[in-house]
PDB file of all heavy atoms in Angstrom:
ATOM      1  N   LEU A   1     -47.617  46.846 -52.378  1.00  0.00           N
ATOM      2  CA  LEU A   1     -48.166  45.721 -53.114  1.00  0.00           C
ATOM      3  C   LEU A   1     -47.463  45.613 -54.460  1.00  0.00           C
ATOM      4  O   LEU A   1     -47.198  46.623 -55.109  1.00  0.00           O
ATOM      5  CB  LEU A   1     -49.670  45.892 -53.345  1.00  0.00           C
ATOM      6  CG  LEU A   1     -50.539  46.241 -52.134  1.00  0.00           C
ATOM      7  CD1 LEU A   1     -52.012  46.222 -52.535  1.00  0.00           C
ATOM      8  CD2 LEU A   1     -50.273  45.301 -50.968  1.00  0.00           C
ATOM      9  N   ILE A   2     -47.177  44.393 -54.881  1.00  0.00           N
ATOM     10  CA  ILE A   2     -46.543  44.139 -56.168  1.00  0.00           C
ATOM     11  C   ILE A   2     -47.549  43.430 -57.083  1.00  0.00           C
ATOM     12  O   ILE A   2     -48.165  42.440 -56.689  1.00  0.00           O
ATOM     13  CB  ILE A   2     -45.277  43.283 -56.023  1.00  0.00           C
ATOM     14  CG1 ILE A   2     -44.268  44.007 -55.116  1.00  0.00           C
ATOM     15  CG2 ILE A   2     -44.670  42.990 -57.386  1.00  0.00           C
ATOM     16  CD1 ILE A   2     -43.784  45.340 -55.649  1.00  0.00           C
ATOM     17  N   GLU A   3     -47.678  43.932 -58.304  1.00  0.00           N
ATOM     18  CA  GLU A   3     -48.645  43.395 -59.264  1.00  0.00           C
ATOM     19  C   GLU A   3     -48.003  42.333 -60.156  1.00  0.00           C
ATOM     20  O   GLU A   3     -46.895  42.522 -60.679  1.00  0.00           O
ATOM     21  CB  GLU A   3     -49.198  44.527 -60.134  1.00  0.00           C
ATOM     22  CG  GLU A   3     -50.176  44.056 -61.192  1.00  0.00           C
ATOM     23  CD  GLU A   3     -50.678  45.182 -62.069  1.00  0.00           C
ATOM     24  OE1 GLU A   3     -50.736  46.339 -61.599  1.00  0.00           O
ATOM     25  OE2 GLU A   3     -51.015  44.901 -63.233  1.00  0.00           O
ATOM     26  N   ASN A   4     -48.721  41.220 -60.342  1.00  0.00           N
ATOM     27  CA  ASN A   4     -48.282  40.189 -61.287  1.00  0.00           C
ATOM     28  C   ASN A   4     -48.297  40.743 -62.707  1.00  0.00           C
ATOM     29  O   ASN A   4     -49.162  41.549 -63.063  1.00  0.00           O
ATOM     30  CB  ASN A   4     -49.183  38.958 -61.200  1.00  0.00           C
ATOM     31  CG  ASN A   4     -50.652  39.303 -61.423  1.00  0.00           C
ATOM     32  OD1 ASN A   4     -51.252  40.020 -60.624  1.00  0.00           O
ATOM     33  ND2 ASN A   4     -51.233  38.805 -62.503  1.00  0.00           N
ATOM     34  N   PRO A   5     -47.357  40.341 -63.551  1.00  0.00           N
ATOM     35  CA  PRO A   5     -47.229  40.954 -64.878  1.00  0.00           C
ATOM     36  C   PRO A   5     -48.128  40.308 -65.931  1.00  0.00           C
ATOM     37  O   PRO A   5     -48.640  39.191 -65.754  1.00  0.00           O
ATOM     38  CB  PRO A   5     -45.757  40.701 -65.225  1.00  0.00           C
ATOM     39  CG  PRO A   5     -45.466  39.380 -64.576  1.00  0.00           C
ATOM     40  CD  PRO A   5     -46.250  39.401 -63.274  1.00  0.00           C
ATOM     41  N   SER A   6     -48.323  41.025 -67.031  1.00  0.00           N
ATOM     42  CA  SER A   6     -48.847  40.428 -68.259  1.00  0.00           C
ATOM     43  C   SER A   6     -47.653  40.202 -69.183  1.00  0.00           C
ATOM     44  O   SER A   6     -46.825  41.097 -69.356  1.00  0.00           O
ATOM     45  CB  SER A   6     -49.882  41.343 -68.925  1.00  0.00           C
ATOM     46  OG  SER A   6     -49.329  42.620 -69.188  1.00  0.00           O
ATOM     47  N   THR A   7     -47.529  38.995 -69.753  1.00  0.00           N
ATOM     48  CA  THR A   7     -46.342  38.661 -70.544  1.00  0.00           C
ATOM     49  C   THR A   7     -46.728  38.045 -71.892  1.00  0.00           C
ATOM     50  O   THR A   7     -47.805  37.464 -72.044  1.00  0.00           O
ATOM     51  CB  THR A   7     -45.423  37.676 -69.787  1.00  0.00           C
ATOM     52  OG1 THR A   7     -46.163  36.489 -69.464  1.00  0.00           O
ATOM     53  CG2 THR A   7     -44.906  38.311 -68.505  1.00  0.00           C
ATOM     54  N   TYR A   8     -45.802  38.183 -72.833  1.00  0.00           N
ATOM     55  CA  TYR A   8     -46.048  37.740 -74.206  1.00  0.00           C
ATOM     56  C   TYR A   8     -44.977  36.760 -74.689  1.00  0.00           C
ATOM     57  O   TYR A   8     -45.097  36.187 -75.752  1.00  0.00           O
ATOM     58  CB  TYR A   8     -46.108  38.962 -75.131  1.00  0.00           C
ATOM     59  CG  TYR A   8     -47.043  40.010 -74.578  1.00  0.00           C
ATOM     60  CD1 TYR A   8     -46.553  41.070 -73.794  1.00  0.00           C
ATOM     61  CD2 TYR A   8     -48.411  39.910 -74.750  1.00  0.00           C
ATOM     62  CE1 TYR A   8     -47.408  42.008 -73.240  1.00  0.00           C
ATOM     63  CE2 TYR A   8     -49.283  40.849 -74.204  1.00  0.00           C
ATOM     64  CZ  TYR A   8     -48.773  41.883 -73.456  1.00  0.00           C
ATOM     65  OH  TYR A   8     -49.627  42.800 -72.894  1.00  0.00           O
ATOM     66  N   PHE A   9     -43.928  36.598 -73.902  1.00  0.00           N
ATOM     67  CA  PHE A   9     -42.885  35.615 -74.183  1.00  0.00           C
ATOM     68  C   PHE A   9     -42.272  35.206 -72.857  1.00  0.00           C
ATOM     69  O   PHE A   9     -42.504  35.840 -71.821  1.00  0.00           O
ATOM     70  CB  PHE A   9     -41.805  36.176 -75.126  1.00  0.00           C
ATOM     71  CG  PHE A   9     -41.057  37.361 -74.568  1.00  0.00           C
ATOM     72  CD1 PHE A   9     -39.926  37.178 -73.776  1.00  0.00           C
ATOM     73  CD2 PHE A   9     -41.468  38.659 -74.843  1.00  0.00           C
ATOM     74  CE1 PHE A   9     -39.238  38.258 -73.254  1.00  0.00           C
ATOM     75  CE2 PHE A   9     -40.783  39.750 -74.322  1.00  0.00           C
ATOM     76  CZ  PHE A   9     -39.665  39.545 -73.533  1.00  0.00           C
ATOM     77  N   GLU A  10     -41.465  34.156 -72.872  1.00  0.00           N
ATOM     78  CA  GLU A  10     -40.808  33.673 -71.666  1.00  0.00           C
ATOM     79  C   GLU A  10     -39.304  33.547 -71.918  1.00  0.00           C
ATOM     80  O   GLU A  10     -38.874  33.319 -73.047  1.00  0.00           O
ATOM     81  CB  GLU A  10     -41.397  32.327 -71.242  1.00  0.00           C
ATOM     82  CG  GLU A  10     -42.870  32.423 -70.853  1.00  0.00           C
ATOM     83  CD  GLU A  10     -43.474  31.070 -70.533  1.00  0.00           C
ATOM     84  OE1 GLU A  10     -43.520  30.207 -71.429  1.00  0.00           O
ATOM     85  OE2 GLU A  10     -43.907  30.879 -69.380  1.00  0.00           O
ATOM     86  N   PHE A  11     -38.523  33.701 -70.847  1.00  0.00           N
ATOM     87  CA  PHE A  11     -37.068  33.634 -70.955  1.00  0.00           C
ATOM     88  C   PHE A  11     -36.587  32.188 -70.821  1.00  0.00           C
ATOM     89  O   PHE A  11     -37.021  31.462 -69.910  1.00  0.00           O
ATOM     90  CB  PHE A  11     -36.413  34.468 -69.857  1.00  0.00           C
ATOM     91  CG  PHE A  11     -36.597  35.949 -70.015  1.00  0.00           C
ATOM     92  CD1 PHE A  11     -37.668  36.594 -69.417  1.00  0.00           C
ATOM     93  CD2 PHE A  11     -35.697  36.700 -70.765  1.00  0.00           C
ATOM     94  CE1 PHE A  11     -37.843  37.964 -69.547  1.00  0.00           C
ATOM     95  CE2 PHE A  11     -35.860  38.070 -70.904  1.00  0.00           C
ATOM     96  CZ  PHE A  11     -36.941  38.708 -70.301  1.00  0.00           C
ATOM     97  N   ASN A  12     -35.671  31.785 -71.699  1.00  0.00           N
ATOM     98  CA  ASN A  12     -35.071  30.456 -71.570  1.00  0.00           C
ATOM     99  C   ASN A  12     -34.276  30.318 -70.276  1.00  0.00           C
ATOM    100  O   ASN A  12     -34.105  29.212 -69.758  1.00  0.00           O
ATOM    101  CB  ASN A  12     -34.153  30.172 -72.764  1.00  0.00           C
ATOM    102  CG  ASN A  12     -34.927  29.980 -74.061  1.00  0.00           C
ATOM    103  OD1 ASN A  12     -36.069  29.519 -74.053  1.00  0.00           O
ATOM    104  ND2 ASN A  12     -34.307  30.335 -75.179  1.00  0.00           N
ATOM    105  N   SER A  13     -33.819  31.450 -69.744  1.00  0.00           N
ATOM    106  CA  SER A  13     -32.993  31.419 -68.541  1.00  0.00           C
ATOM    107  C   SER A  13     -33.802  31.237 -67.252  1.00  0.00           C
ATOM    108  O   SER A  13     -33.223  31.006 -66.187  1.00  0.00           O
ATOM    109  CB  SER A  13     -32.162  32.701 -68.436  1.00  0.00           C
ATOM    110  OG  SER A  13     -33.010  33.837 -68.393  1.00  0.00           O
ATOM    111  N   SER A  14     -35.130  31.380 -67.324  1.00  0.00           N
ATOM    112  CA  SER A  14     -35.953  31.260 -66.114  1.00  0.00           C
ATOM    113  C   SER A  14     -35.774  29.892 -65.479  1.00  0.00           C
ATOM    114  O   SER A  14     -35.838  28.867 -66.153  1.00  0.00           O
ATOM    115  CB  SER A  14     -37.422  31.503 -66.443  1.00  0.00           C
ATOM    116  OG  SER A  14     -37.659  32.859 -66.754  1.00  0.00           O
ATOM    117  N   ALA A  15     -35.560  29.905 -64.152  1.00  0.00           N
ATOM    118  CA  ALA A  15     -35.312  28.661 -63.425  1.00  0.00           C
ATOM    119  C   ALA A  15     -36.461  28.294 -62.495  1.00  0.00           C
ATOM    120  O   ALA A  15     -36.385  27.282 -61.792  1.00  0.00           O
ATOM    121  CB  ALA A  15     -34.020  28.781 -62.620  1.00  0.00           C
ATOM    122  N   MET A  16     -37.504  29.115 -62.464  1.00  0.00           N
ATOM    123  CA  MET A  16     -38.667  28.829 -61.614  1.00  0.00           C
ATOM    124  C   MET A  16     -39.907  29.390 -62.288  1.00  0.00           C
ATOM    125  O   MET A  16     -39.822  30.219 -63.201  1.00  0.00           O
ATOM    126  CB  MET A  16     -38.476  29.408 -60.218  1.00  0.00           C
ATOM    127  CG  MET A  16     -38.347  30.906 -60.151  1.00  0.00           C
ATOM    128  SD  MET A  16     -37.932  31.529 -58.481  1.00  0.00           S
ATOM    129  CE  MET A  16     -36.127  31.436 -58.547  1.00  0.00           C
ATOM    130  N   SER A  17     -41.066  28.946 -61.837  1.00  0.00           N
ATOM    131  CA  SER A  17     -42.319  29.448 -62.389  1.00  0.00           C
ATOM    132  C   SER A  17     -42.589  30.859 -61.875  1.00  0.00           C
ATOM    133  O   SER A  17     -41.999  31.306 -60.879  1.00  0.00           O
ATOM    134  CB  SER A  17     -43.473  28.525 -62.001  1.00  0.00           C
ATOM    135  OG  SER A  17     -43.727  28.616 -60.602  1.00  0.00           O
ATOM    136  N   GLU A  18     -43.489  31.558 -62.553  1.00  0.00           N
ATOM    137  CA  GLU A  18     -43.852  32.902 -62.117  1.00  0.00           C
ATOM    138  C   GLU A  18     -44.451  32.896 -60.719  1.00  0.00           C
ATOM    139  O   GLU A  18     -44.112  33.743 -59.880  1.00  0.00           O
ATOM    140  CB  GLU A  18     -44.841  33.518 -63.104  1.00  0.00           C
ATOM    141  CG  GLU A  18     -45.277  34.934 -62.748  1.00  0.00           C
ATOM    142  CD  GLU A  18     -46.098  35.569 -63.846  1.00  0.00           C
ATOM    143  OE1 GLU A  18     -45.519  35.815 -64.931  1.00  0.00           O
ATOM    144  OE2 GLU A  18     -47.308  35.804 -63.640  1.00  0.00           O
ATOM    145  N   THR A  19     -45.322  31.935 -60.446  1.00  0.00           N
ATOM    146  CA  THR A  19     -45.961  31.890 -59.125  1.00  0.00           C
ATOM    147  C   THR A  19     -44.952  31.554 -58.026  1.00  0.00           C
ATOM    148  O   THR A  19     -45.035  32.098 -56.925  1.00  0.00           O
ATOM    149  CB  THR A  19     -47.114  30.882 -59.120  1.00  0.00           C
ATOM    150  OG1 THR A  19     -46.665  29.625 -59.633  1.00  0.00           O
ATOM    151  CG2 THR A  19     -48.280  31.381 -59.964  1.00  0.00           C
ATOM    152  N   ASP A  20     -43.983  30.694 -58.304  1.00  0.00           N
ATOM    153  CA  ASP A  20     -42.942  30.405 -57.311  1.00  0.00           C
ATOM    154  C   ASP A  20     -42.060  31.632 -57.079  1.00  0.00           C
ATOM    155  O   ASP A  20     -41.652  31.918 -55.941  1.00  0.00           O
ATOM    156  CB  ASP A  20     -42.068  29.229 -57.767  1.00  0.00           C
ATOM    157  CG  ASP A  20     -42.772  27.887 -57.631  1.00  0.00           C
ATOM    158  OD1 ASP A  20     -43.805  27.831 -56.932  1.00  0.00           O
ATOM    159  OD2 ASP A  20     -42.294  26.902 -58.225  1.00  0.00           O
ATOM    160  N   PHE A  21     -41.758  32.350 -58.155  1.00  0.00           N
ATOM    161  CA  PHE A  21     -40.946  33.567 -58.067  1.00  0.00           C
ATOM    162  C   PHE A  21     -41.650  34.598 -57.187  1.00  0.00           C
ATOM    163  O   PHE A  21     -41.045  35.199 -56.288  1.00  0.00           O
ATOM    164  CB  PHE A  21     -40.733  34.110 -59.484  1.00  0.00           C
ATOM    165  CG  PHE A  21     -39.783  35.272 -59.591  1.00  0.00           C
ATOM    166  CD1 PHE A  21     -38.428  35.074 -59.762  1.00  0.00           C
ATOM    167  CD2 PHE A  21     -40.263  36.577 -59.554  1.00  0.00           C
ATOM    168  CE1 PHE A  21     -37.546  36.148 -59.882  1.00  0.00           C
ATOM    169  CE2 PHE A  21     -39.401  37.655 -59.676  1.00  0.00           C
ATOM    170  CZ  PHE A  21     -38.039  37.439 -59.841  1.00  0.00           C
ATOM    171  N   ILE A  22     -42.948  34.801 -57.421  1.00  0.00           N
ATOM    172  CA  ILE A  22     -43.720  35.770 -56.651  1.00  0.00           C
ATOM    173  C   ILE A  22     -43.862  35.314 -55.202  1.00  0.00           C
ATOM    174  O   ILE A  22     -43.772  36.126 -54.269  1.00  0.00           O
ATOM    175  CB  ILE A  22     -45.092  35.999 -57.314  1.00  0.00           C
ATOM    176  CG1 ILE A  22     -44.904  36.687 -58.672  1.00  0.00           C
ATOM    177  CG2 ILE A  22     -46.000  36.831 -56.416  1.00  0.00           C
ATOM    178  CD1 ILE A  22     -46.169  36.826 -59.486  1.00  0.00           C
ATOM    179  N   SER A  23     -44.074  34.042 -54.990  1.00  0.00           N
ATOM    180  CA  SER A  23     -44.183  33.514 -53.629  1.00  0.00           C
ATOM    181  C   SER A  23     -42.908  33.772 -52.840  1.00  0.00           C
ATOM    182  O   SER A  23     -42.942  34.155 -51.657  1.00  0.00           O
ATOM    183  CB  SER A  23     -44.475  32.009 -53.658  1.00  0.00           C
ATOM    184  OG  SER A  23     -45.737  31.740 -54.233  1.00  0.00           O
ATOM    185  N   GLU A  24     -41.772  33.572 -53.475  1.00  0.00           N
ATOM    186  CA  GLU A  24     -40.493  33.794 -52.799  1.00  0.00           C
ATOM    187  C   GLU A  24     -40.276  35.277 -52.526  1.00  0.00           C
ATOM    188  O   GLU A  24     -39.722  35.649 -51.482  1.00  0.00           O
ATOM    189  CB  GLU A  24     -39.357  33.228 -53.652  1.00  0.00           C
ATOM    190  CG  GLU A  24     -38.037  33.078 -52.927  1.00  0.00           C
ATOM    191  CD  GLU A  24     -38.092  32.100 -51.755  1.00  0.00           C
ATOM    192  OE1 GLU A  24     -38.946  31.187 -51.776  1.00  0.00           O
ATOM    193  OE2 GLU A  24     -37.283  32.270 -50.821  1.00  0.00           O
ATOM    194  N   LEU A  25     -40.729  36.147 -53.437  1.00  0.00           N
ATOM    195  CA  LEU A  25     -40.643  37.596 -53.225  1.00  0.00           C
ATOM    196  C   LEU A  25     -41.417  37.998 -51.969  1.00  0.00           C
ATOM    197  O   LEU A  25     -40.925  38.765 -51.137  1.00  0.00           O
ATOM    198  CB  LEU A  25     -41.202  38.330 -54.448  1.00  0.00           C
ATOM    199  CG  LEU A  25     -41.359  39.845 -54.315  1.00  0.00           C
ATOM    200  CD1 LEU A  25     -40.004  40.520 -54.190  1.00  0.00           C
ATOM    201  CD2 LEU A  25     -42.139  40.403 -55.507  1.00  0.00           C
ATOM    202  N   VAL A  26     -42.624  37.473 -51.818  1.00  0.00           N
ATOM    203  CA  VAL A  26     -43.443  37.769 -50.636  1.00  0.00           C
ATOM    204  C   VAL A  26     -42.754  37.279 -49.373  1.00  0.00           C
ATOM    205  O   VAL A  26     -42.687  37.986 -48.357  1.00  0.00           O
ATOM    206  CB  VAL A  26     -44.835  37.130 -50.780  1.00  0.00           C
ATOM    207  CG1 VAL A  26     -45.616  37.224 -49.476  1.00  0.00           C
ATOM    208  CG2 VAL A  26     -45.609  37.774 -51.920  1.00  0.00           C
ATOM    209  N   LYS A  27     -42.227  36.065 -49.436  1.00  0.00           N
ATOM    210  CA  LYS A  27     -41.578  35.459 -48.271  1.00  0.00           C
ATOM    211  C   LYS A  27     -40.379  36.273 -47.824  1.00  0.00           C
ATOM    212  O   LYS A  27     -40.162  36.480 -46.612  1.00  0.00           O
ATOM    213  CB  LYS A  27     -41.161  34.031 -48.608  1.00  0.00           C
ATOM    214  CG  LYS A  27     -40.447  33.295 -47.496  1.00  0.00           C
ATOM    215  CD  LYS A  27     -40.052  31.891 -47.946  1.00  0.00           C
ATOM    216  CE  LYS A  27     -39.259  31.153 -46.878  1.00  0.00           C
ATOM    217  NZ  LYS A  27     -38.847  29.791 -47.332  1.00  0.00           N
ATOM    218  N   ARG A  28     -39.580  36.760 -48.766  1.00  0.00           N
ATOM    219  CA  ARG A  28     -38.327  37.440 -48.413  1.00  0.00           C
ATOM    220  C   ARG A  28     -38.516  38.905 -48.016  1.00  0.00           C
ATOM    221  O   ARG A  28     -37.691  39.445 -47.265  1.00  0.00           O
ATOM    222  CB  ARG A  28     -37.340  37.353 -49.583  1.00  0.00           C
ATOM    223  CG  ARG A  28     -36.908  35.948 -49.923  1.00  0.00           C
ATOM    224  CD  ARG A  28     -35.803  35.953 -50.973  1.00  0.00           C
ATOM    225  NE  ARG A  28     -35.534  34.611 -51.491  1.00  0.00           N
ATOM    226  CZ  ARG A  28     -34.561  34.321 -52.340  1.00  0.00           C
ATOM    227  NH1 ARG A  28     -33.752  35.285 -52.773  1.00  0.00           N
ATOM    228  NH2 ARG A  28     -34.393  33.076 -52.776  1.00  0.00           N
ATOM    229  N   THR A  29     -39.550  39.565 -48.539  1.00  0.00           N
ATOM    230  CA  THR A  29     -39.687  41.010 -48.326  1.00  0.00           C
ATOM    231  C   THR A  29     -40.872  41.391 -47.449  1.00  0.00           C
ATOM    232  O   THR A  29     -40.910  42.511 -46.928  1.00  0.00           O
ATOM    233  CB  THR A  29     -39.846  41.758 -49.667  1.00  0.00           C
ATOM    234  OG1 THR A  29     -41.106  41.392 -50.256  1.00  0.00           O
ATOM    235  CG2 THR A  29     -38.711  41.426 -50.618  1.00  0.00           C
ATOM    236  N   GLY A  30     -41.858  40.508 -47.297  1.00  0.00           N
ATOM    237  CA  GLY A  30     -43.061  40.872 -46.562  1.00  0.00           C
ATOM    238  C   GLY A  30     -43.991  41.780 -47.339  1.00  0.00           C
ATOM    239  O   GLY A  30     -44.934  42.345 -46.774  1.00  0.00           O
ATOM    240  N   CYS A  31     -43.759  41.958 -48.645  1.00  0.00           N
ATOM    241  CA  CYS A  31     -44.654  42.778 -49.453  1.00  0.00           C
ATOM    242  C   CYS A  31     -46.008  42.090 -49.597  1.00  0.00           C
ATOM    243  O   CYS A  31     -46.140  40.880 -49.391  1.00  0.00           O
ATOM    244  CB  CYS A  31     -44.062  43.052 -50.835  1.00  0.00           C
ATOM    245  SG  CYS A  31     -44.016  41.605 -51.940  1.00  0.00           S
ATOM    246  N   GLY A  32     -47.031  42.861 -49.924  1.00  0.00           N
ATOM    247  CA  GLY A  32     -48.314  42.302 -50.299  1.00  0.00           C
ATOM    248  C   GLY A  32     -48.389  42.177 -51.812  1.00  0.00           C
ATOM    249  O   GLY A  32     -47.451  42.544 -52.528  1.00  0.00           O
ATOM    250  N   LEU A  33     -49.523  41.674 -52.299  1.00  0.00           N
ATOM    251  CA  LEU A  33     -49.690  41.482 -53.733  1.00  0.00           C
ATOM    252  C   LEU A  33     -50.952  42.165 -54.243  1.00  0.00           C
ATOM    253  O   LEU A  33     -51.975  42.214 -53.557  1.00  0.00           O
ATOM    254  CB  LEU A  33     -49.762  39.990 -54.076  1.00  0.00           C
ATOM    255  CG  LEU A  33     -48.506  39.175 -53.782  1.00  0.00           C
ATOM    256  CD1 LEU A  33     -48.757  37.706 -54.088  1.00  0.00           C
ATOM    257  CD2 LEU A  33     -47.302  39.695 -54.567  1.00  0.00           C
ATOM    258  N   LEU A  34     -50.834  42.701 -55.439  1.00  0.00           N
ATOM    259  CA  LEU A  34     -51.971  43.198 -56.194  1.00  0.00           C
ATOM    260  C   LEU A  34     -52.213  42.172 -57.294  1.00  0.00           C
ATOM    261  O   LEU A  34     -51.387  42.026 -58.199  1.00  0.00           O
ATOM    262  CB  LEU A  34     -51.670  44.575 -56.779  1.00  0.00           C
ATOM    263  CG  LEU A  34     -52.833  45.388 -57.358  1.00  0.00           C
ATOM    264  CD1 LEU A  34     -52.383  46.824 -57.621  1.00  0.00           C
ATOM    265  CD2 LEU A  34     -53.390  44.798 -58.638  1.00  0.00           C
ATOM    266  N   LEU A  35     -53.318  41.456 -57.205  1.00  0.00           N
ATOM    267  CA  LEU A  35     -53.634  40.425 -58.198  1.00  0.00           C
ATOM    268  C   LEU A  35     -54.394  41.064 -59.351  1.00  0.00           C
ATOM    269  O   LEU A  35     -55.555  41.447 -59.203  1.00  0.00           O
ATOM    270  CB  LEU A  35     -54.460  39.308 -57.569  1.00  0.00           C
ATOM    271  CG  LEU A  35     -54.973  38.229 -58.537  1.00  0.00           C
ATOM    272  CD1 LEU A  35     -53.822  37.492 -59.210  1.00  0.00           C
ATOM    273  CD2 LEU A  35     -55.901  37.257 -57.817  1.00  0.00           C
ATOM    274  N   ASP A  36     -53.746  41.206 -60.494  1.00  0.00           N
ATOM    275  CA  ASP A  36     -54.415  41.692 -61.694  1.00  0.00           C
ATOM    276  C   ASP A  36     -54.979  40.488 -62.433  1.00  0.00           C
ATOM    277  O   ASP A  36     -54.235  39.726 -63.054  1.00  0.00           O
ATOM    278  CB  ASP A  36     -53.444  42.474 -62.576  1.00  0.00           C
ATOM    279  CG  ASP A  36     -54.158  43.215 -63.698  1.00  0.00           C
ATOM    280  OD1 ASP A  36     -54.957  42.577 -64.410  1.00  0.00           O
ATOM    281  OD2 ASP A  36     -53.924  44.423 -63.862  1.00  0.00           O
TER     282      ASP A  36
END
């Protein structure tokens, strides 16, 4: 299971939202999620 992060700033280089990034991680690896 992969846990969603707690963050205090965002990167200008980010090209997708956090939820889209996590969704794609699940799709590609089959991992589960730990929702904090």
